Amino acid sequence: MTELRTERLVLRGWRESDIAPWAAMNADPEVREHFPDVLTREQSEASVARFRTELERRGWGWWAVEVRATGGFIGFAGLDPVDDGLPFTGVEAGWRLARPAWGHGYATEAARAVVDFGFESLGLVEVLAVTTATNLRSQAVMRRIGMTRDPADDFDDPDVPEGPLRRNVLYRLRAEDHRPVGRVGNTGGR
């Protein structure tokens, strides 16, 4: 399985020791502010099982993110095919970090690494990112990594009930507009 390394981060496969901090993150209402609900421990464990399966099957997906200097788990980042039922197709980049990791530039660094990997190793022609219209922090990361938004692409997520979280924005980055930065290297993979 591929492992990505940046100056400060390692994006790697999931370990048993990641489950407790991942579950704590997903139970935090601030971390889950732009999602309909917090997750139970069981839901978090099930998500890790899915992430592991996809990483093993494809060699890429949703990686656990740790800080290189400490080895501490801080969240996840990765790439995944867009869910069925959305008004677009492609491969989506995403990230989510625990609150203590906010404000250090880690989300941008991890996002750059996965986007670089998508273009350089997977040969993608475009990488997408989606968030709620109210998630200004994630939209700022999207802009920092070179993504752009066309308001005509905004959509209502069919899996989210009516309310402020239903409206989503779509950001795009095409391969020809990509400027690789941020990744120190990757190991393994296909």
C-alpha atoms as a PDB file:
ATOM      1  CA  MET A   1       0.000   0.000   0.000  1.00  0.00           C
ATOM      2  CA  THR A   2       1.201   3.487  -0.788  1.00  0.00           C
ATOM      3  CA  GLU A   3       2.395   5.754   1.995  1.00  0.00           C
ATOM      4  CA  LEU A   4       2.776   9.488   1.380  1.00  0.00           C
ATOM      5  CA  ARG A   5       5.286  11.680   3.198  1.00  0.00           C
ATOM      6  CA  THR A   6       5.429  15.434   3.362  1.00  0.00           C
ATOM      7  CA  GLU A   7       7.788  17.682   5.270  1.00  0.00           C
ATOM      8  CA  ARG A   8       5.751  17.271   8.482  1.00  0.00           C
ATOM      9  CA  LEU A   9       3.252  14.462   7.862  1.00  0.00           C
ATOM     10  CA  VAL A  10       2.928  10.778   7.038  1.00  0.00           C
ATOM     11  CA  LEU A  11      -0.219   9.549   5.299  1.00  0.00           C
ATOM     12  CA  ARG A  12      -0.273   5.821   5.996  1.00  0.00           C
ATOM     13  CA  GLY A  13      -2.390   2.756   6.556  1.00  0.00           C
ATOM     14  CA  TRP A  14      -4.611   2.518   9.594  1.00  0.00           C
ATOM     15  CA  ARG A  15      -3.434   0.976  12.875  1.00  0.00           C
ATOM     16  CA  GLU A  16      -5.456  -0.373  15.772  1.00  0.00           C
ATOM     17  CA  SER A  17      -4.073   2.489  17.870  1.00  0.00           C
ATOM     18  CA  ASP A  18      -5.782   4.981  15.509  1.00  0.00           C
ATOM     19  CA  ILE A  19      -9.297   3.785  16.302  1.00  0.00           C
ATOM     20  CA  ALA A  20      -9.706   5.481  19.718  1.00  0.00           C
ATOM     21  CA  PRO A  21      -8.527   8.951  18.581  1.00  0.00           C
ATOM     22  CA  TRP A  22     -10.505   8.575  15.325  1.00  0.00           C
ATOM     23  CA  ALA A  23     -13.652   7.735  17.297  1.00  0.00           C
ATOM     24  CA  ALA A  24     -13.031  10.682  19.644  1.00  0.00           C
ATOM     25  CA  MET A  25     -12.659  12.994  16.630  1.00  0.00           C
ATOM     26  CA  ASN A  26     -15.913  11.753  15.119  1.00  0.00           C
ATOM     27  CA  ALA A  27     -17.730  12.212  18.425  1.00  0.00           C
ATOM     28  CA  ASP A  28     -16.607  15.855  18.627  1.00  0.00           C
ATOM     29  CA  PRO A  29     -19.459  18.179  17.565  1.00  0.00           C
ATOM     30  CA  GLU A  30     -16.994  20.835  16.367  1.00  0.00           C
ATOM     31  CA  VAL A  31     -15.136  18.388  14.128  1.00  0.00           C
ATOM     32  CA  ARG A  32     -18.495  17.143  12.790  1.00  0.00           C
ATOM     33  CA  GLU A  33     -20.024  20.632  12.531  1.00  0.00           C
ATOM     34  CA  HIS A  34     -20.514  20.298   8.763  1.00  0.00           C
ATOM     35  CA  PHE A  35     -21.979  16.787   8.896  1.00  0.00           C
ATOM     36  CA  PRO A  36     -25.520  15.838   9.918  1.00  0.00           C
ATOM     37  CA  ASP A  37     -24.424  13.859  12.996  1.00  0.00           C
ATOM     38  CA  VAL A  38     -21.524  12.825  15.175  1.00  0.00           C
ATOM     39  CA  LEU A  39     -20.520   9.172  14.873  1.00  0.00           C
ATOM     40  CA  THR A  40     -20.659   6.428  17.470  1.00  0.00           C
ATOM     41  CA  ARG A  41     -17.575   4.377  18.301  1.00  0.00           C
ATOM     42  CA  GLU A  42     -19.043   1.512  16.266  1.00  0.00           C
ATOM     43  CA  GLN A  43     -19.575   3.745  13.223  1.00  0.00           C
ATOM     44  CA  SER A  44     -16.001   5.020  13.482  1.00  0.00           C
ATOM     45  CA  GLU A  45     -14.658   1.462  13.737  1.00  0.00           C
ATOM     46  CA  ALA A  46     -16.714   0.460  10.687  1.00  0.00           C
ATOM     47  CA  SER A  47     -15.311   3.398   8.713  1.00  0.00           C
ATOM     48  CA  VAL A  48     -11.740   2.336   9.536  1.00  0.00           C
ATOM     49  CA  ALA A  49     -12.550  -1.195   8.326  1.00  0.00           C
ATOM     50  CA  ARG A  50     -13.808   0.267   5.014  1.00  0.00           C
ATOM     51  CA  PHE A  51     -10.750   2.512   4.691  1.00  0.00           C
ATOM     52  CA  ARG A  52      -8.402  -0.438   5.286  1.00  0.00           C
ATOM     53  CA  THR A  53     -10.201  -2.572   2.716  1.00  0.00           C
ATOM     54  CA  GLU A  54     -10.015   0.122   0.046  1.00  0.00           C
ATOM     55  CA  LEU A  55      -6.353   0.890   0.759  1.00  0.00           C
ATOM     56  CA  GLU A  56      -5.492  -2.801   0.497  1.00  0.00           C
ATOM     57  CA  ARG A  57      -7.559  -3.301  -2.657  1.00  0.00           C
ATOM     58  CA  ARG A  58      -6.523  -0.168  -4.591  1.00  0.00           C
ATOM     59  CA  GLY A  59      -3.317   0.933  -2.877  1.00  0.00           C
ATOM     60  CA  TRP A  60      -4.862   4.389  -2.261  1.00  0.00           C
ATOM     61  CA  GLY A  61      -7.907   5.849  -0.527  1.00  0.00           C
ATOM     62  CA  TRP A  62      -8.404   7.415   2.902  1.00  0.00           C
ATOM     63  CA  TRP A  63      -5.095   7.373   4.755  1.00  0.00           C
ATOM     64  CA  ALA A  64      -4.517   7.951   8.452  1.00  0.00           C
ATOM     65  CA  VAL A  65      -2.463  11.119   9.003  1.00  0.00           C
ATOM     66  CA  GLU A  66       0.255  11.381  11.618  1.00  0.00           C
ATOM     67  CA  VAL A  67       2.745  14.097  12.509  1.00  0.00           C
ATOM     68  CA  ARG A  68       6.235  12.891  11.561  1.00  0.00           C
ATOM     69  CA  ALA A  69       7.966  14.524  14.540  1.00  0.00           C
ATOM     70  CA  THR A  70       5.751  12.860  17.154  1.00  0.00           C
ATOM     71  CA  GLY A  71       4.092   9.907  15.416  1.00  0.00           C
ATOM     72  CA  GLY A  72       0.788  11.245  16.754  1.00  0.00           C
ATOM     73  CA  PHE A  73      -2.413  10.477  14.837  1.00  0.00           C
ATOM     74  CA  ILE A  74      -4.224  13.693  13.839  1.00  0.00           C
ATOM     75  CA  GLY A  75      -6.905  12.614  11.349  1.00  0.00           C
ATOM     76  CA  PHE A  76      -7.323  11.417   7.806  1.00  0.00           C
ATOM     77  CA  ALA A  77      -6.863  12.567   4.220  1.00  0.00           C
ATOM     78  CA  GLY A  78      -7.098  10.922   0.862  1.00  0.00           C
ATOM     79  CA  LEU A  79      -8.822  10.295  -2.412  1.00  0.00           C
ATOM     80  CA  ASP A  80     -11.976   8.345  -3.171  1.00  0.00           C
ATOM     81  CA  PRO A  81     -14.310   7.956  -6.129  1.00  0.00           C
ATOM     82  CA  VAL A  82     -17.336  10.247  -5.845  1.00  0.00           C
ATOM     83  CA  ASP A  83     -20.385   8.573  -4.289  1.00  0.00           C
ATOM     84  CA  ASP A  84     -23.199   7.451  -6.569  1.00  0.00           C
ATOM     85  CA  GLY A  85     -26.210   9.739  -6.742  1.00  0.00           C
ATOM     86  CA  LEU A  86     -24.288  13.002  -6.923  1.00  0.00           C
ATOM     87  CA  PRO A  87     -24.609  15.259  -9.975  1.00  0.00           C
ATOM     88  CA  PHE A  88     -20.976  14.693 -11.038  1.00  0.00           C
ATOM     89  CA  THR A  89     -18.418  11.905 -11.216  1.00  0.00           C
ATOM     90  CA  GLY A  90     -14.704  11.677 -10.611  1.00  0.00           C
ATOM     91  CA  VAL A  91     -12.266  11.326  -7.754  1.00  0.00           C
ATOM     92  CA  GLU A  92     -12.634  13.460  -4.649  1.00  0.00           C
ATOM     93  CA  ALA A  93      -9.902  14.650  -2.305  1.00  0.00           C
ATOM     94  CA  GLY A  94     -10.818  15.052   1.349  1.00  0.00           C
ATOM     95  CA  TRP A  95      -9.422  15.572   4.829  1.00  0.00           C
ATOM     96  CA  ARG A  96     -10.570  15.811   8.433  1.00  0.00           C
ATOM     97  CA  LEU A  97      -8.389  16.602  11.420  1.00  0.00           C
ATOM     98  CA  ALA A  98      -8.795  16.574  15.180  1.00  0.00           C
ATOM     99  CA  ARG A  99      -9.263  20.042  16.700  1.00  0.00           C
ATOM    100  CA  PRO A 100      -5.758  20.227  18.281  1.00  0.00           C
ATOM    101  CA  ALA A 101      -4.338  19.863  14.732  1.00  0.00           C
ATOM    102  CA  TRP A 102      -6.298  22.821  13.357  1.00  0.00           C
ATOM    103  CA  GLY A 103      -4.491  26.038  12.499  1.00  0.00           C
ATOM    104  CA  HIS A 104      -1.076  24.482  11.768  1.00  0.00           C
ATOM    105  CA  GLY A 105      -1.390  24.108   7.999  1.00  0.00           C
ATOM    106  CA  TYR A 106      -1.659  20.321   8.248  1.00  0.00           C
ATOM    107  CA  ALA A 107      -4.896  20.093   6.222  1.00  0.00           C
ATOM    108  CA  THR A 108      -3.346  22.045   3.338  1.00  0.00           C
ATOM    109  CA  GLU A 109      -0.153  19.973   3.486  1.00  0.00           C
ATOM    110  CA  ALA A 110      -2.075  16.682   3.472  1.00  0.00           C
ATOM    111  CA  ALA A 111      -4.437  17.899   0.731  1.00  0.00           C
ATOM    112  CA  ARG A 112      -1.492  18.886  -1.482  1.00  0.00           C
ATOM    113  CA  ALA A 113       0.071  15.458  -0.970  1.00  0.00           C
ATOM    114  CA  VAL A 114      -3.062  13.569  -2.012  1.00  0.00           C
ATOM    115  CA  VAL A 115      -3.675  15.835  -5.004  1.00  0.00           C
ATOM    116  CA  ASP A 116      -0.036  15.444  -6.119  1.00  0.00           C
ATOM    117  CA  PHE A 117      -0.442  11.664  -5.779  1.00  0.00           C
ATOM    118  CA  GLY A 118      -3.690  11.713  -7.769  1.00  0.00           C
ATOM    119  CA  PHE A 119      -2.121  13.513 -10.701  1.00  0.00           C
ATOM    120  CA  GLU A 120       1.389  12.066 -10.632  1.00  0.00           C
ATOM    121  CA  SER A 121       0.762   8.444  -9.631  1.00  0.00           C
ATOM    122  CA  LEU A 122      -2.825   7.788 -10.687  1.00  0.00           C
ATOM    123  CA  GLY A 123      -2.789   9.931 -13.820  1.00  0.00           C
ATOM    124  CA  LEU A 124      -6.055  11.655 -12.968  1.00  0.00           C
ATOM    125  CA  VAL A 125      -7.158  14.446 -15.286  1.00  0.00           C
ATOM    126  CA  GLU A 126      -9.085  16.194 -12.507  1.00  0.00           C
ATOM    127  CA  VAL A 127      -9.451  16.077  -8.724  1.00  0.00           C
ATOM    128  CA  LEU A 128     -12.618  17.300  -7.018  1.00  0.00           C
ATOM    129  CA  ALA A 129     -13.384  18.447  -3.483  1.00  0.00           C
ATOM    130  CA  VAL A 130     -16.800  18.903  -1.912  1.00  0.00           C
ATOM    131  CA  THR A 131     -17.972  20.536   1.287  1.00  0.00           C
ATOM    132  CA  THR A 132     -20.980  22.340   2.681  1.00  0.00           C
ATOM    133  CA  ALA A 133     -21.509  25.926   1.609  1.00  0.00           C
ATOM    134  CA  THR A 134     -20.943  26.934   5.246  1.00  0.00           C
ATOM    135  CA  ASN A 135     -17.569  25.173   5.664  1.00  0.00           C
ATOM    136  CA  LEU A 136     -15.333  28.150   4.979  1.00  0.00           C
ATOM    137  CA  ARG A 137     -12.210  26.538   6.496  1.00  0.00           C
ATOM    138  CA  SER A 138     -12.278  23.622   4.049  1.00  0.00           C
ATOM    139  CA  GLN A 139     -13.040  25.947   1.159  1.00  0.00           C
ATOM    140  CA  ALA A 140      -9.947  27.975   2.102  1.00  0.00           C
ATOM    141  CA  VAL A 141      -7.841  24.791   1.924  1.00  0.00           C
ATOM    142  CA  MET A 142      -9.317  24.043  -1.500  1.00  0.00           C
ATOM    143  CA  ARG A 143      -8.324  27.482  -2.762  1.00  0.00           C
ATOM    144  CA  ARG A 144      -4.829  27.212  -1.221  1.00  0.00           C
ATOM    145  CA  ILE A 145      -4.137  24.017  -3.180  1.00  0.00           C
ATOM    146  CA  GLY A 146      -5.212  25.687  -6.424  1.00  0.00           C
ATOM    147  CA  MET A 147      -8.799  24.481  -6.742  1.00  0.00           C
ATOM    148  CA  THR A 148     -11.489  26.715  -8.186  1.00  0.00           C
ATOM    149  CA  ARG A 149     -15.241  26.836  -7.815  1.00  0.00           C
ATOM    150  CA  ASP A 150     -17.947  27.554 -10.349  1.00  0.00           C
ATOM    151  CA  PRO A 151     -21.153  28.426  -8.429  1.00  0.00           C
ATOM    152  CA  ALA A 152     -23.105  26.722 -11.240  1.00  0.00           C
ATOM    153  CA  ASP A 153     -21.699  23.409  -9.909  1.00  0.00           C
ATOM    154  CA  ASP A 154     -23.105  23.938  -6.382  1.00  0.00           C
ATOM    155  CA  PHE A 155     -25.704  21.334  -5.460  1.00  0.00           C
ATOM    156  CA  ASP A 156     -27.993  20.007  -2.764  1.00  0.00           C
ATOM    157  CA  ASP A 157     -26.689  16.747  -1.293  1.00  0.00           C
ATOM    158  CA  PRO A 158     -29.531  14.229  -1.717  1.00  0.00           C
ATOM    159  CA  ASP A 159     -28.386  12.290   1.376  1.00  0.00           C
ATOM    160  CA  VAL A 160     -28.680  15.281   3.719  1.00  0.00           C
ATOM    161  CA  PRO A 161     -32.015  16.474   5.134  1.00  0.00           C
ATOM    162  CA  GLU A 162     -33.279  19.986   4.399  1.00  0.00           C
ATOM    163  CA  GLY A 163     -31.317  22.586   6.317  1.00  0.00           C
ATOM    164  CA  PRO A 164     -28.033  24.514   6.261  1.00  0.00           C
ATOM    165  CA  LEU A 165     -25.886  21.411   5.616  1.00  0.00           C
ATOM    166  CA  ARG A 166     -27.692  20.344   2.464  1.00  0.00           C
ATOM    167  CA  ARG A 167     -26.187  22.958   0.134  1.00  0.00           C
ATOM    168  CA  ASN A 168     -22.729  21.896  -1.062  1.00  0.00           C
ATOM    169  CA  VAL A 169     -20.019  23.493  -3.134  1.00  0.00           C
ATOM    170  CA  LEU A 170     -17.804  21.714  -5.638  1.00  0.00           C
ATOM    171  CA  TYR A 171     -14.196  22.703  -6.250  1.00  0.00           C
ATOM    172  CA  ARG A 172     -12.092  21.380  -9.134  1.00  0.00           C
ATOM    173  CA  LEU A 173      -8.456  21.179 -10.076  1.00  0.00           C
ATOM    174  CA  ARG A 174      -7.483  19.987 -13.548  1.00  0.00           C
ATOM    175  CA  ALA A 175      -4.137  18.296 -14.157  1.00  0.00           C
ATOM    176  CA  GLU A 176      -2.953  21.043 -16.511  1.00  0.00           C
ATOM    177  CA  ASP A 177      -3.549  23.656 -13.774  1.00  0.00           C
ATOM    178  CA  HIS A 178      -1.822  21.661 -11.031  1.00  0.00           C
ATOM    179  CA  ARG A 179       1.464  22.898  -9.578  1.00  0.00           C
ATOM    180  CA  PRO A 180       3.019  20.056  -7.555  1.00  0.00           C
ATOM    181  CA  VAL A 181       4.328  21.051  -4.136  1.00  0.00           C
ATOM    182  CA  GLY A 182       4.325  19.695  -0.643  1.00  0.00           C
ATOM    183  CA  ARG A 183       5.116  16.014  -0.981  1.00  0.00           C
ATOM    184  CA  VAL A 184       8.501  14.705   0.046  1.00  0.00           C
ATOM    185  CA  GLY A 185       7.801  11.274  -1.405  1.00  0.00           C
ATOM    186  CA  ASN A 186       5.757   8.119  -1.387  1.00  0.00           C
ATOM    187  CA  THR A 187       6.592   4.526  -0.808  1.00  0.00           C
ATOM    188  CA  GLY A 188       4.988   1.354  -1.982  1.00  0.00           C
ATOM    189  CA  GLY A 189       1.875   1.305  -4.057  1.00  0.00           C
ATOM    190  CA  ARG A 190       1.167   0.381  -7.612  1.00  0.00           C
END
